[in-house]
């Protein structure tokens, strides 16, 4: 893992310009926060493919749906809390029900908005949207993953929700790493305990796995960048190999990654799943690292949880 840190929203901002130049059907529908969501470069480079509908997220969903019916590939861009909750009905009725290829690309996922406070910290988004039929839900773990998954989403036939971080997070991959929607990446293979993480918590889980290995614990670690469709085979590998799974996410532990993994594991039996994530509570204005610590999303807590599973 590199010492370099970059926000995943930066990866999106760079990749969407590249994709737009290659494919004139790619559009950005902005909700007037392009500076924060990194679409200023797209607006400047490709003004004919850019629409700013103002602070009107629900209208943005409708405009994008209309573009998709005309063969365009629109990316609706806003904050995660608005792109999932304020737009939810329009996503369901106008995008997912007709199964249109609209991509909802949202910055400020999880508690990464930090000092912006609870109103801007989207802890429910992936859980809400994964329950809507036809929706695909992605959260890249670093800058390079963001670029690759944005490109994959542009080619994907159907609605896609992409969640990015505001804050810079460690770079894990490089430009040669390949990603496939619905297929988790195995970062470590071990036999004692399994850790399944996504987004900004993958780097935390990676550090925890390294600490456990120093203690003689063999760890299997997956980056589950796609929450829906979940990589059932990856979960089943964890169930079969050790039956001791820890999920780690920057999202409410209810209905997010932990719930999705638990749904698969519960049907198999003889498996214990421990969920580490936001503890069904709103955030507050505080530094990002402090907010993670308040919810037990730390290297130390992952290590402690693993040790308790192995007793």
C-alpha atoms as a PDB file:
ATOM      1  CA  UNK A   1       0.000   0.000   0.000  1.00  0.00           C
ATOM      2  CA  UNK A   2       1.379   3.365  -1.041  1.00  0.00           C
ATOM      3  CA  UNK A   3       1.944   6.260   1.366  1.00  0.00           C
ATOM      4  CA  UNK A   4       0.288   8.491  -1.236  1.00  0.00           C
ATOM      5  CA  UNK A   5      -3.267   9.601  -0.503  1.00  0.00           C
ATOM      6  CA  UNK A   6      -5.877  10.752  -3.021  1.00  0.00           C
ATOM      7  CA  UNK A   7      -9.629  11.215  -2.812  1.00  0.00           C
ATOM      8  CA  UNK A   8     -11.632   8.865  -4.990  1.00  0.00           C
ATOM      9  CA  UNK A   9     -13.665  11.848  -6.239  1.00  0.00           C
ATOM     10  CA  UNK A  10     -10.436  13.020  -7.934  1.00  0.00           C
ATOM     11  CA  UNK A  11     -10.196   9.733  -9.805  1.00  0.00           C
ATOM     12  CA  UNK A  12     -13.781  10.186 -10.992  1.00  0.00           C
ATOM     13  CA  UNK A  13     -13.169  13.769 -12.112  1.00  0.00           C
ATOM     14  CA  UNK A  14     -10.180  12.795 -14.228  1.00  0.00           C
ATOM     15  CA  UNK A  15     -11.678   9.638 -15.700  1.00  0.00           C
ATOM     16  CA  UNK A  16     -14.998  11.187 -16.713  1.00  0.00           C
ATOM     17  CA  UNK A  17     -13.163  13.749 -18.890  1.00  0.00           C
ATOM     18  CA  UNK A  18     -11.217  10.961 -20.597  1.00  0.00           C
ATOM     19  CA  UNK A  19     -14.369   8.912 -21.180  1.00  0.00           C
ATOM     20  CA  UNK A  20     -16.314  11.930 -22.452  1.00  0.00           C
ATOM     21  CA  UNK A  21     -13.647  12.693 -25.044  1.00  0.00           C
ATOM     22  CA  UNK A  22     -13.720   9.075 -26.227  1.00  0.00           C
ATOM     23  CA  UNK A  23     -17.510   8.771 -26.303  1.00  0.00           C
ATOM     24  CA  UNK A  24     -19.668  11.752 -27.199  1.00  0.00           C
ATOM     25  CA  UNK A  25     -22.727  10.019 -25.743  1.00  0.00           C
ATOM     26  CA  UNK A  26     -21.376  10.464 -22.222  1.00  0.00           C
ATOM     27  CA  UNK A  27     -22.967  13.439 -20.488  1.00  0.00           C
ATOM     28  CA  UNK A  28     -22.622  15.011 -17.055  1.00  0.00           C
ATOM     29  CA  UNK A  29     -25.786  16.299 -15.385  1.00  0.00           C
ATOM     30  CA  UNK A  30     -24.585  18.483 -12.525  1.00  0.00           C
ATOM     31  CA  UNK A  31     -26.574  19.684  -9.505  1.00  0.00           C
ATOM     32  CA  UNK A  32     -24.554  22.878  -9.133  1.00  0.00           C
ATOM     33  CA  UNK A  33     -21.727  21.439  -7.003  1.00  0.00           C
ATOM     34  CA  UNK A  34     -19.269  20.637  -9.770  1.00  0.00           C
ATOM     35  CA  UNK A  35     -16.311  22.103  -7.909  1.00  0.00           C
ATOM     36  CA  UNK A  36     -16.773  19.716  -4.977  1.00  0.00           C
ATOM     37  CA  UNK A  37     -17.655  16.745  -7.197  1.00  0.00           C
ATOM     38  CA  UNK A  38     -14.764  17.393  -9.602  1.00  0.00           C
ATOM     39  CA  UNK A  39     -16.722  17.977 -12.812  1.00  0.00           C
ATOM     40  CA  UNK A  40     -15.294  21.430 -13.563  1.00  0.00           C
ATOM     41  CA  UNK A  41     -12.743  19.836 -15.897  1.00  0.00           C
ATOM     42  CA  UNK A  42     -15.522  18.084 -17.831  1.00  0.00           C
ATOM     43  CA  UNK A  43     -17.520  21.316 -18.134  1.00  0.00           C
ATOM     44  CA  UNK A  44     -14.488  23.166 -19.490  1.00  0.00           C
ATOM     45  CA  UNK A  45     -13.362  20.431 -21.878  1.00  0.00           C
ATOM     46  CA  UNK A  46     -16.763  19.216 -23.087  1.00  0.00           C
ATOM     47  CA  UNK A  47     -19.370  21.989 -22.679  1.00  0.00           C
ATOM     48  CA  UNK A  48     -21.683  20.428 -25.313  1.00  0.00           C
ATOM     49  CA  UNK A  49     -21.967  17.290 -23.122  1.00  0.00           C
ATOM     50  CA  UNK A  50     -22.505  19.128 -19.848  1.00  0.00           C
ATOM     51  CA  UNK A  51     -25.746  20.261 -18.198  1.00  0.00           C
ATOM     52  CA  UNK A  52     -26.088  22.090 -14.889  1.00  0.00           C
ATOM     53  CA  UNK A  53     -29.691  21.894 -13.673  1.00  0.00           C
ATOM     54  CA  UNK A  54     -28.993  23.871 -10.509  1.00  0.00           C
ATOM     55  CA  UNK A  55     -29.727  22.746  -6.953  1.00  0.00           C
ATOM     56  CA  UNK A  56     -32.493  20.454  -8.173  1.00  0.00           C
ATOM     57  CA  UNK A  57     -31.398  16.858  -7.716  1.00  0.00           C
ATOM     58  CA  UNK A  58     -34.804  15.335  -8.462  1.00  0.00           C
ATOM     59  CA  UNK A  59     -34.957  17.227 -11.727  1.00  0.00           C
ATOM     60  CA  UNK A  60     -31.422  16.024 -12.507  1.00  0.00           C
ATOM     61  CA  UNK A  61     -32.636  12.426 -12.262  1.00  0.00           C
ATOM     62  CA  UNK A  62     -35.477  13.139 -14.687  1.00  0.00           C
ATOM     63  CA  UNK A  63     -33.218  14.945 -17.155  1.00  0.00           C
ATOM     64  CA  UNK A  64     -30.757  12.053 -17.029  1.00  0.00           C
ATOM     65  CA  UNK A  65     -33.536   9.538 -17.608  1.00  0.00           C
ATOM     66  CA  UNK A  66     -34.631  11.501 -20.668  1.00  0.00           C
ATOM     67  CA  UNK A  67     -31.086  11.566 -22.028  1.00  0.00           C
ATOM     68  CA  UNK A  68     -30.779   7.812 -21.498  1.00  0.00           C
ATOM     69  CA  UNK A  69     -33.912   7.173 -23.582  1.00  0.00           C
ATOM     70  CA  UNK A  70     -32.147   9.009 -26.419  1.00  0.00           C
ATOM     71  CA  UNK A  71     -29.095   6.757 -26.294  1.00  0.00           C
ATOM     72  CA  UNK A  72     -26.940   8.965 -24.103  1.00  0.00           C
ATOM     73  CA  UNK A  73     -24.983   7.752 -21.041  1.00  0.00           C
ATOM     74  CA  UNK A  74     -25.630  10.410 -18.384  1.00  0.00           C
ATOM     75  CA  UNK A  75     -23.739  10.707 -15.101  1.00  0.00           C
ATOM     76  CA  UNK A  76     -25.796  12.566 -12.482  1.00  0.00           C
ATOM     77  CA  UNK A  77     -23.322  14.224 -10.131  1.00  0.00           C
ATOM     78  CA  UNK A  78     -24.008  15.428  -6.583  1.00  0.00           C
ATOM     79  CA  UNK A  79     -23.302  14.584  -2.940  1.00  0.00           C
ATOM     80  CA  UNK A  80     -24.123  11.034  -1.812  1.00  0.00           C
ATOM     81  CA  UNK A  81     -26.708  12.140   0.742  1.00  0.00           C
ATOM     82  CA  UNK A  82     -28.662  13.990  -1.963  1.00  0.00           C
ATOM     83  CA  UNK A  83     -28.046  11.526  -4.796  1.00  0.00           C
ATOM     84  CA  UNK A  84     -29.470   8.648  -2.779  1.00  0.00           C
ATOM     85  CA  UNK A  85     -32.124  10.144  -0.504  1.00  0.00           C
ATOM     86  CA  UNK A  86     -33.462  13.305  -2.143  1.00  0.00           C
ATOM     87  CA  UNK A  87     -33.511  11.575  -5.546  1.00  0.00           C
ATOM     88  CA  UNK A  88     -34.715   8.201  -4.288  1.00  0.00           C
ATOM     89  CA  UNK A  89     -38.249   8.225  -5.695  1.00  0.00           C
ATOM     90  CA  UNK A  90     -37.062   9.474  -9.071  1.00  0.00           C
ATOM     91  CA  UNK A  91     -34.312   6.852  -9.134  1.00  0.00           C
ATOM     92  CA  UNK A  92     -36.896   4.156  -8.481  1.00  0.00           C
ATOM     93  CA  UNK A  93     -39.638   5.353 -10.832  1.00  0.00           C
ATOM     94  CA  UNK A  94     -37.755   7.059 -13.657  1.00  0.00           C
ATOM     95  CA  UNK A  95     -34.410   5.213 -13.779  1.00  0.00           C
ATOM     96  CA  UNK A  96     -34.590   1.736 -12.243  1.00  0.00           C
ATOM     97  CA  UNK A  97     -38.154   0.772 -13.181  1.00  0.00           C
ATOM     98  CA  UNK A  98     -37.497   1.348 -16.923  1.00  0.00           C
ATOM     99  CA  UNK A  99     -33.929   0.003 -16.391  1.00  0.00           C
ATOM    100  CA  UNK A 100     -32.166   2.968 -17.982  1.00  0.00           C
ATOM    101  CA  UNK A 101     -28.401   3.363 -18.215  1.00  0.00           C
ATOM    102  CA  UNK A 102     -28.154   6.322 -15.868  1.00  0.00           C
ATOM    103  CA  UNK A 103     -25.075   6.543 -13.648  1.00  0.00           C
ATOM    104  CA  UNK A 104     -25.383   8.359 -10.321  1.00  0.00           C
ATOM    105  CA  UNK A 105     -21.886   9.473  -9.327  1.00  0.00           C
ATOM    106  CA  UNK A 106     -21.714  10.859  -5.806  1.00  0.00           C
ATOM    107  CA  UNK A 107     -18.929  12.391  -3.768  1.00  0.00           C
ATOM    108  CA  UNK A 108     -18.931  12.817   0.034  1.00  0.00           C
ATOM    109  CA  UNK A 109     -19.848   9.208   0.869  1.00  0.00           C
ATOM    110  CA  UNK A 110     -19.894   7.949   4.450  1.00  0.00           C
ATOM    111  CA  UNK A 111     -18.336  10.110   7.145  1.00  0.00           C
ATOM    112  CA  UNK A 112     -15.698  11.557   4.820  1.00  0.00           C
ATOM    113  CA  UNK A 113     -17.524  14.938   4.756  1.00  0.00           C
ATOM    114  CA  UNK A 114     -16.279  15.122   8.383  1.00  0.00           C
ATOM    115  CA  UNK A 115     -16.592  18.735   9.541  1.00  0.00           C
ATOM    116  CA  UNK A 116     -19.589  19.314   7.228  1.00  0.00           C
ATOM    117  CA  UNK A 117     -21.598  17.437   9.855  1.00  0.00           C
ATOM    118  CA  UNK A 118     -24.381  14.871   9.971  1.00  0.00           C
ATOM    119  CA  UNK A 119     -26.511  16.552   7.294  1.00  0.00           C
ATOM    120  CA  UNK A 120     -23.819  15.854   4.664  1.00  0.00           C
ATOM    121  CA  UNK A 121     -22.544  12.488   5.915  1.00  0.00           C
ATOM    122  CA  UNK A 122     -24.285   9.817   3.869  1.00  0.00           C
ATOM    123  CA  UNK A 123     -24.406   6.687   6.011  1.00  0.00           C
ATOM    124  CA  UNK A 124     -27.559   5.148   4.480  1.00  0.00           C
ATOM    125  CA  UNK A 125     -27.079   5.534   0.727  1.00  0.00           C
ATOM    126  CA  UNK A 126     -25.782   2.126  -0.376  1.00  0.00           C
ATOM    127  CA  UNK A 127     -28.287   0.340   1.832  1.00  0.00           C
ATOM    128  CA  UNK A 128     -31.211   2.314   0.437  1.00  0.00           C
ATOM    129  CA  UNK A 129     -30.227   1.932  -3.202  1.00  0.00           C
ATOM    130  CA  UNK A 130     -29.257  -1.741  -3.088  1.00  0.00           C
ATOM    131  CA  UNK A 131     -32.889  -2.563  -2.267  1.00  0.00           C
ATOM    132  CA  UNK A 132     -34.154  -1.109  -5.565  1.00  0.00           C
ATOM    133  CA  UNK A 133     -34.414  -3.664  -8.402  1.00  0.00           C
ATOM    134  CA  UNK A 134     -32.041  -3.183 -11.382  1.00  0.00           C
ATOM    135  CA  UNK A 135     -29.665  -0.938  -9.392  1.00  0.00           C
ATOM    136  CA  UNK A 136     -25.938  -1.732  -9.232  1.00  0.00           C
ATOM    137  CA  UNK A 137     -24.009  -0.256  -6.276  1.00  0.00           C
ATOM    138  CA  UNK A 138     -20.247   0.405  -6.318  1.00  0.00           C
ATOM    139  CA  UNK A 139     -17.734   1.903  -3.914  1.00  0.00           C
ATOM    140  CA  UNK A 140     -14.091   2.026  -5.055  1.00  0.00           C
ATOM    141  CA  UNK A 141     -11.348   1.672  -2.449  1.00  0.00           C
ATOM    142  CA  UNK A 142      -8.881   4.170  -3.875  1.00  0.00           C
ATOM    143  CA  UNK A 143      -8.070   6.625  -6.663  1.00  0.00           C
ATOM    144  CA  UNK A 144      -7.164   3.994  -9.266  1.00  0.00           C
ATOM    145  CA  UNK A 145     -10.126   1.791  -8.379  1.00  0.00           C
ATOM    146  CA  UNK A 146     -12.372   4.821  -8.886  1.00  0.00           C
ATOM    147  CA  UNK A 147     -11.022   5.432 -12.386  1.00  0.00           C
ATOM    148  CA  UNK A 148     -11.449   1.793 -13.403  1.00  0.00           C
ATOM    149  CA  UNK A 149     -14.918   1.393 -11.910  1.00  0.00           C
ATOM    150  CA  UNK A 150     -16.146   4.651 -13.479  1.00  0.00           C
ATOM    151  CA  UNK A 151     -15.032   3.301 -16.854  1.00  0.00           C
ATOM    152  CA  UNK A 152     -16.737  -0.019 -16.129  1.00  0.00           C
ATOM    153  CA  UNK A 153     -19.937   1.774 -15.108  1.00  0.00           C
ATOM    154  CA  UNK A 154     -19.971   3.746 -18.364  1.00  0.00           C
ATOM    155  CA  UNK A 155     -19.968   0.464 -20.309  1.00  0.00           C
ATOM    156  CA  UNK A 156     -22.448  -1.274 -18.010  1.00  0.00           C
ATOM    157  CA  UNK A 157     -25.998  -1.640 -19.327  1.00  0.00           C
ATOM    158  CA  UNK A 158     -28.299  -0.380 -16.585  1.00  0.00           C
ATOM    159  CA  UNK A 159     -28.461   1.973 -13.592  1.00  0.00           C
ATOM    160  CA  UNK A 160     -25.310   2.304 -11.471  1.00  0.00           C
ATOM    161  CA  UNK A 161     -24.647   4.145  -8.220  1.00  0.00           C
ATOM    162  CA  UNK A 162     -21.010   5.103  -7.570  1.00  0.00           C
ATOM    163  CA  UNK A 163     -19.909   6.396  -4.172  1.00  0.00           C
ATOM    164  CA  UNK A 164     -16.720   8.453  -3.739  1.00  0.00           C
ATOM    165  CA  UNK A 165     -14.831   9.962  -0.808  1.00  0.00           C
ATOM    166  CA  UNK A 166     -14.322  13.631  -0.174  1.00  0.00           C
ATOM    167  CA  UNK A 167     -11.176  13.075   1.891  1.00  0.00           C
ATOM    168  CA  UNK A 168      -7.922  11.709   0.547  1.00  0.00           C
ATOM    169  CA  UNK A 169      -7.407   8.035   1.378  1.00  0.00           C
ATOM    170  CA  UNK A 170      -4.397   5.724   0.857  1.00  0.00           C
ATOM    171  CA  UNK A 171      -3.622   4.520  -2.650  1.00  0.00           C
ATOM    172  CA  UNK A 172      -3.736   0.704  -2.704  1.00  0.00           C
ATOM    173  CA  UNK A 173      -3.701  -0.182  -6.389  1.00  0.00           C
ATOM    174  CA  UNK A 174      -1.995   1.055  -9.550  1.00  0.00           C
ATOM    175  CA  UNK A 175      -3.184   1.807 -13.065  1.00  0.00           C
ATOM    176  CA  UNK A 176      -2.664  -1.821 -14.119  1.00  0.00           C
ATOM    177  CA  UNK A 177      -5.122  -3.303 -11.586  1.00  0.00           C
ATOM    178  CA  UNK A 178      -8.237  -4.623 -13.278  1.00  0.00           C
ATOM    179  CA  UNK A 179     -11.743  -4.430 -11.819  1.00  0.00           C
ATOM    180  CA  UNK A 180     -14.928  -6.237 -12.789  1.00  0.00           C
ATOM    181  CA  UNK A 181     -18.358  -5.195 -11.572  1.00  0.00           C
ATOM    182  CA  UNK A 182     -19.690  -7.911  -9.274  1.00  0.00           C
ATOM    183  CA  UNK A 183     -16.290  -9.554  -8.720  1.00  0.00           C
ATOM    184  CA  UNK A 184     -14.431  -8.865  -5.450  1.00  0.00           C
ATOM    185  CA  UNK A 185     -10.659  -8.449  -5.387  1.00  0.00           C
ATOM    186  CA  UNK A 186      -8.740 -10.789  -3.086  1.00  0.00           C
ATOM    187  CA  UNK A 187      -5.918  -8.855  -1.414  1.00  0.00           C
ATOM    188  CA  UNK A 188      -4.818 -11.633   0.953  1.00  0.00           C
ATOM    189  CA  UNK A 189      -5.476 -15.351   1.193  1.00  0.00           C
ATOM    190  CA  UNK A 190      -5.575 -16.974   4.628  1.00  0.00           C
ATOM    191  CA  UNK A 191      -7.250 -19.755   6.557  1.00  0.00           C
ATOM    192  CA  UNK A 192      -7.974 -18.448  10.078  1.00  0.00           C
ATOM    193  CA  UNK A 193     -10.284 -15.472   9.625  1.00  0.00           C
ATOM    194  CA  UNK A 194     -11.799 -13.479   6.729  1.00  0.00           C
ATOM    195  CA  UNK A 195     -12.177  -9.710   6.389  1.00  0.00           C
ATOM    196  CA  UNK A 196     -14.469  -8.215   3.752  1.00  0.00           C
ATOM    197  CA  UNK A 197     -14.233  -4.432   3.357  1.00  0.00           C
ATOM    198  CA  UNK A 198     -15.096  -1.761   0.809  1.00  0.00           C
ATOM    199  CA  UNK A 199     -14.313   1.835  -0.028  1.00  0.00           C
ATOM    200  CA  UNK A 200     -12.189   3.878   2.354  1.00  0.00           C
ATOM    201  CA  UNK A 201     -12.151   1.072   4.936  1.00  0.00           C
ATOM    202  CA  UNK A 202     -10.163  -1.313   2.713  1.00  0.00           C
ATOM    203  CA  UNK A 203      -6.889   0.407   3.634  1.00  0.00           C
ATOM    204  CA  UNK A 204      -7.836   0.149   7.326  1.00  0.00           C
ATOM    205  CA  UNK A 205      -8.658  -3.539   6.912  1.00  0.00           C
ATOM    206  CA  UNK A 206      -5.359  -4.087   5.090  1.00  0.00           C
ATOM    207  CA  UNK A 207      -3.400  -2.611   8.004  1.00  0.00           C
ATOM    208  CA  UNK A 208      -5.387  -4.752  10.446  1.00  0.00           C
ATOM    209  CA  UNK A 209      -4.641  -7.877   8.398  1.00  0.00           C
ATOM    210  CA  UNK A 210      -0.937  -7.056   8.538  1.00  0.00           C
ATOM    211  CA  UNK A 211      -1.101  -6.623  12.323  1.00  0.00           C
ATOM    212  CA  UNK A 212      -2.893  -9.956  12.698  1.00  0.00           C
ATOM    213  CA  UNK A 213      -0.311 -11.695  10.531  1.00  0.00           C
ATOM    214  CA  UNK A 214       2.407 -10.419  12.864  1.00  0.00           C
ATOM    215  CA  UNK A 215       0.528 -12.260  15.623  1.00  0.00           C
ATOM    216  CA  UNK A 216       0.490 -15.467  13.587  1.00  0.00           C
ATOM    217  CA  UNK A 217      -3.101 -15.154  12.342  1.00  0.00           C
ATOM    218  CA  UNK A 218      -3.680 -16.122   8.698  1.00  0.00           C
ATOM    219  CA  UNK A 219      -6.103 -13.620   7.081  1.00  0.00           C
ATOM    220  CA  UNK A 220      -8.219 -13.744   3.951  1.00  0.00           C
ATOM    221  CA  UNK A 221      -9.043 -10.203   2.793  1.00  0.00           C
ATOM    222  CA  UNK A 222     -11.462  -9.128   0.067  1.00  0.00           C
ATOM    223  CA  UNK A 223     -12.185  -5.685  -1.396  1.00  0.00           C
ATOM    224  CA  UNK A 224     -15.940  -6.010  -2.034  1.00  0.00           C
ATOM    225  CA  UNK A 225     -16.184  -2.912  -4.238  1.00  0.00           C
ATOM    226  CA  UNK A 226     -19.556  -4.041  -5.606  1.00  0.00           C
ATOM    227  CA  UNK A 227     -22.261  -4.194  -2.939  1.00  0.00           C
ATOM    228  CA  UNK A 228     -24.849  -5.207  -5.527  1.00  0.00           C
ATOM    229  CA  UNK A 229     -24.579  -7.585  -7.242  1.00  0.00           C
ATOM    230  CA  UNK A 230     -22.614  -9.046  -4.348  1.00  0.00           C
ATOM    231  CA  UNK A 231     -19.845 -11.512  -5.166  1.00  0.00           C
ATOM    232  CA  UNK A 232     -21.521 -14.539  -3.580  1.00  0.00           C
ATOM    233  CA  UNK A 233     -18.635 -16.808  -4.567  1.00  0.00           C
ATOM    234  CA  UNK A 234     -16.197 -14.669  -2.553  1.00  0.00           C
ATOM    235  CA  UNK A 235     -18.460 -14.805   0.504  1.00  0.00           C
ATOM    236  CA  UNK A 236     -18.879 -18.557   0.094  1.00  0.00           C
ATOM    237  CA  UNK A 237     -15.099 -18.966  -0.030  1.00  0.00           C
ATOM    238  CA  UNK A 238     -14.912 -17.257   3.371  1.00  0.00           C
ATOM    239  CA  UNK A 239     -17.759 -19.404   4.709  1.00  0.00           C
ATOM    240  CA  UNK A 240     -16.133 -22.609   3.493  1.00  0.00           C
ATOM    241  CA  UNK A 241     -12.526 -21.821   4.428  1.00  0.00           C
ATOM    242  CA  UNK A 242     -13.007 -20.593   8.005  1.00  0.00           C
ATOM    243  CA  UNK A 243     -16.585 -19.521   8.758  1.00  0.00           C
ATOM    244  CA  UNK A 244     -15.312 -16.455  10.660  1.00  0.00           C
ATOM    245  CA  UNK A 245     -16.047 -13.223   8.796  1.00  0.00           C
ATOM    246  CA  UNK A 246     -15.553  -9.564   9.728  1.00  0.00           C
ATOM    247  CA  UNK A 247     -17.127  -6.905   7.506  1.00  0.00           C
ATOM    248  CA  UNK A 248     -15.787  -3.346   7.578  1.00  0.00           C
ATOM    249  CA  UNK A 249     -17.561  -0.364   6.023  1.00  0.00           C
ATOM    250  CA  UNK A 250     -17.994   3.403   6.231  1.00  0.00           C
ATOM    251  CA  UNK A 251     -21.781   2.996   6.261  1.00  0.00           C
ATOM    252  CA  UNK A 252     -24.486   2.118   8.731  1.00  0.00           C
ATOM    253  CA  UNK A 253     -24.046  -1.518   9.774  1.00  0.00           C
ATOM    254  CA  UNK A 254     -27.757  -1.906   8.938  1.00  0.00           C
ATOM    255  CA  UNK A 255     -28.452  -2.808   5.296  1.00  0.00           C
ATOM    256  CA  UNK A 256     -24.941  -2.137   4.003  1.00  0.00           C
ATOM    257  CA  UNK A 257     -22.021  -4.462   3.260  1.00  0.00           C
ATOM    258  CA  UNK A 258     -22.327  -6.285   6.582  1.00  0.00           C
ATOM    259  CA  UNK A 259     -26.000  -6.999   6.002  1.00  0.00           C
ATOM    260  CA  UNK A 260     -25.410  -8.153   2.425  1.00  0.00           C
ATOM    261  CA  UNK A 261     -22.680 -10.577   3.520  1.00  0.00           C
ATOM    262  CA  UNK A 262     -24.787 -11.778   6.467  1.00  0.00           C
ATOM    263  CA  UNK A 263     -27.696 -12.565   4.150  1.00  0.00           C
ATOM    264  CA  UNK A 264     -25.509 -14.961   2.173  1.00  0.00           C
ATOM    265  CA  UNK A 265     -23.789 -16.444   5.224  1.00  0.00           C
ATOM    266  CA  UNK A 266     -27.033 -17.000   7.157  1.00  0.00           C
ATOM    267  CA  UNK A 267     -28.410 -19.240   4.421  1.00  0.00           C
ATOM    268  CA  UNK A 268     -25.353 -21.487   4.711  1.00  0.00           C
ATOM    269  CA  UNK A 269     -25.189 -21.858   8.513  1.00  0.00           C
ATOM    270  CA  UNK A 270     -22.146 -22.553  10.728  1.00  0.00           C
ATOM    271  CA  UNK A 271     -20.733 -19.074  10.081  1.00  0.00           C
ATOM    272  CA  UNK A 272     -20.180 -16.086  12.373  1.00  0.00           C
ATOM    273  CA  UNK A 273     -20.265 -12.583  10.884  1.00  0.00           C
ATOM    274  CA  UNK A 274     -19.136  -9.547  12.907  1.00  0.00           C
ATOM    275  CA  UNK A 275     -20.060  -6.172  11.417  1.00  0.00           C
ATOM    276  CA  UNK A 276     -17.819  -3.147  11.885  1.00  0.00           C
ATOM    277  CA  UNK A 277     -19.222   0.127  10.597  1.00  0.00           C
ATOM    278  CA  UNK A 278     -21.304   3.145  11.588  1.00  0.00           C
ATOM    279  CA  UNK A 279     -23.232   2.057  14.679  1.00  0.00           C
ATOM    280  CA  UNK A 280     -26.710   3.153  13.571  1.00  0.00           C
ATOM    281  CA  UNK A 281     -26.054   6.711  14.699  1.00  0.00           C
ATOM    282  CA  UNK A 282     -25.712  10.050  12.970  1.00  0.00           C
ATOM    283  CA  UNK A 283     -22.329  11.665  12.694  1.00  0.00           C
ATOM    284  CA  UNK A 284     -21.297  15.097  13.855  1.00  0.00           C
ATOM    285  CA  UNK A 285     -18.863  17.818  12.894  1.00  0.00           C
ATOM    286  CA  UNK A 286     -15.486  16.258  13.643  1.00  0.00           C
ATOM    287  CA  UNK A 287     -12.314  15.150  11.832  1.00  0.00           C
ATOM    288  CA  UNK A 288     -12.786  12.111   9.581  1.00  0.00           C
ATOM    289  CA  UNK A 289     -10.432   9.892  11.623  1.00  0.00           C
ATOM    290  CA  UNK A 290     -12.257  10.814  14.843  1.00  0.00           C
ATOM    291  CA  UNK A 291     -15.611   9.860  13.317  1.00  0.00           C
ATOM    292  CA  UNK A 292     -14.220   6.471  12.285  1.00  0.00           C
ATOM    293  CA  UNK A 293     -12.867   5.960  15.798  1.00  0.00           C
ATOM    294  CA  UNK A 294     -16.248   6.840  17.358  1.00  0.00           C
ATOM    295  CA  UNK A 295     -17.779   3.954  15.415  1.00  0.00           C
ATOM    296  CA  UNK A 296     -14.996   1.453  16.016  1.00  0.00           C
ATOM    297  CA  UNK A 297     -13.823   1.556  12.402  1.00  0.00           C
ATOM    298  CA  UNK A 298     -10.177   1.201  13.372  1.00  0.00           C
ATOM    299  CA  UNK A 299      -7.261  -1.150  12.896  1.00  0.00           C
ATOM    300  CA  UNK A 300      -7.297  -1.896  16.616  1.00  0.00           C
ATOM    301  CA  UNK A 301     -10.979  -2.856  16.680  1.00  0.00           C
ATOM    302  CA  UNK A 302     -10.652  -5.110  13.633  1.00  0.00           C
ATOM    303  CA  UNK A 303      -7.696  -6.889  15.251  1.00  0.00           C
ATOM    304  CA  UNK A 304      -9.582  -7.215  18.555  1.00  0.00           C
ATOM    305  CA  UNK A 305     -12.689  -8.574  16.792  1.00  0.00           C
ATOM    306  CA  UNK A 306     -10.634 -11.137  14.896  1.00  0.00           C
ATOM    307  CA  UNK A 307      -8.935 -12.320  18.065  1.00  0.00           C
ATOM    308  CA  UNK A 308     -12.303 -12.717  19.795  1.00  0.00           C
ATOM    309  CA  UNK A 309     -13.582 -14.792  16.853  1.00  0.00           C
ATOM    310  CA  UNK A 310     -10.593 -17.102  17.148  1.00  0.00           C
ATOM    311  CA  UNK A 311     -11.025 -17.841  20.854  1.00  0.00           C
END
